[in-house]
Amino acid sequence: MTQKIDFDLRGEFVELNQLLKLVGICDSGGAGKALVASGEVSVDGEAELRKTRKVYAGSVVEIGDVQIRVIKAP
């Protein structure tokens, strides 16, 4: 069963490693970088290895059975 998380984006973008930290997947940005480097993270259906990739509103990040939808904060 897929766990779905909505992330309210407050700026223009969030870096991928920071997003993983902010939603609680990792406990630090460094752990987020290691997770991205492992090849287990995808953005909009494509595997992503750039740890500090800019993620914008409308994107979907997946790792294992977790799906993170990035939405623009009101």
Protein backbone atom coordinates (compact mmCIF):
# COMPACT_ATOMS: atom_id res chain seq x y z
CA MET A 1 0.00 0.00 0.00
CA THR A 2 1.40 3.36 -1.03
CA GLN A 3 1.76 6.04 1.64
CA LYS A 4 0.89 9.45 0.20
CA ILE A 5 2.32 12.64 1.66
CA ASP A 6 1.43 16.17 0.57
CA PHE A 7 4.23 18.71 1.03
CA ASP A 8 3.28 22.40 1.09
CA LEU A 9 5.97 24.27 -0.84
CA ARG A 10 6.45 27.76 0.60
CA GLY A 11 9.17 29.03 -1.75
CA GLU A 12 9.91 28.60 -5.45
CA PHE A 13 11.48 25.16 -5.00
CA VAL A 14 12.94 22.75 -2.44
CA GLU A 15 16.11 20.71 -2.87
CA LEU A 16 15.43 16.98 -3.11
CA ASN A 17 17.62 15.98 -0.14
CA GLN A 18 15.94 18.65 2.02
CA LEU A 19 12.47 17.52 0.95
CA LEU A 20 13.22 14.00 2.17
CA LYS A 21 14.29 15.46 5.52
CA LEU A 22 11.32 17.82 5.82
CA VAL A 23 8.73 15.08 5.29
CA GLY A 24 10.46 12.74 7.76
CA ILE A 25 11.88 10.14 5.35
CA CYS A 26 15.39 10.99 6.60
CA ASP A 27 16.56 12.60 9.82
CA SER A 28 19.13 14.87 8.15
CA GLY A 29 20.01 16.43 4.82
CA GLY A 30 23.11 14.23 4.68
CA ALA A 31 21.00 11.09 5.04
CA GLY A 32 18.78 12.46 2.26
CA LYS A 33 21.81 12.89 0.00
CA ALA A 34 22.89 9.29 0.66
CA LEU A 35 19.39 8.03 -0.11
CA VAL A 36 19.27 9.91 -3.42
CA ALA A 37 22.77 8.66 -4.31
CA SER A 38 21.57 5.08 -3.76
CA GLY A 39 19.28 5.40 -6.79
CA GLU A 40 16.09 4.64 -4.86
CA VAL A 41 14.45 8.04 -5.40
CA SER A 42 12.47 9.10 -8.46
CA VAL A 43 11.02 12.47 -9.45
CA ASP A 44 8.06 12.52 -11.83
CA GLY A 45 8.65 8.86 -12.70
CA GLU A 46 12.36 9.20 -13.54
CA ALA A 47 15.21 7.94 -11.35
CA GLU A 48 17.05 10.91 -9.86
CA LEU A 49 20.68 10.90 -8.69
CA ARG A 50 21.18 14.67 -8.28
CA LYS A 51 21.02 15.18 -4.52
CA THR A 52 20.22 18.88 -4.66
CA ARG A 53 17.84 18.75 -7.61
CA LYS A 54 15.32 21.56 -7.42
CA VAL A 55 11.82 20.16 -6.91
CA TYR A 56 8.96 22.46 -7.88
CA ALA A 57 5.22 22.50 -7.14
CA GLY A 58 3.41 19.87 -9.19
CA SER A 59 6.19 17.29 -8.95
CA VAL A 60 5.79 13.83 -7.45
CA VAL A 61 8.72 12.24 -5.61
CA GLU A 62 8.68 8.50 -4.95
CA ILE A 63 10.82 6.33 -2.76
CA GLY A 64 9.82 2.74 -2.09
CA ASP A 65 6.13 2.73 -1.20
CA VAL A 66 6.06 6.45 -0.30
CA GLN A 67 4.73 9.07 -2.72
CA ILE A 68 5.31 12.77 -1.96
CA ARG A 69 3.21 15.30 -3.86
CA VAL A 70 4.71 18.78 -3.87
CA ILE A 71 1.97 21.40 -3.82
CA LYS A 72 2.15 25.18 -3.67
CA ALA A 73 1.28 26.43 -0.20
CA PRO A 74 -1.69 28.82 -0.13
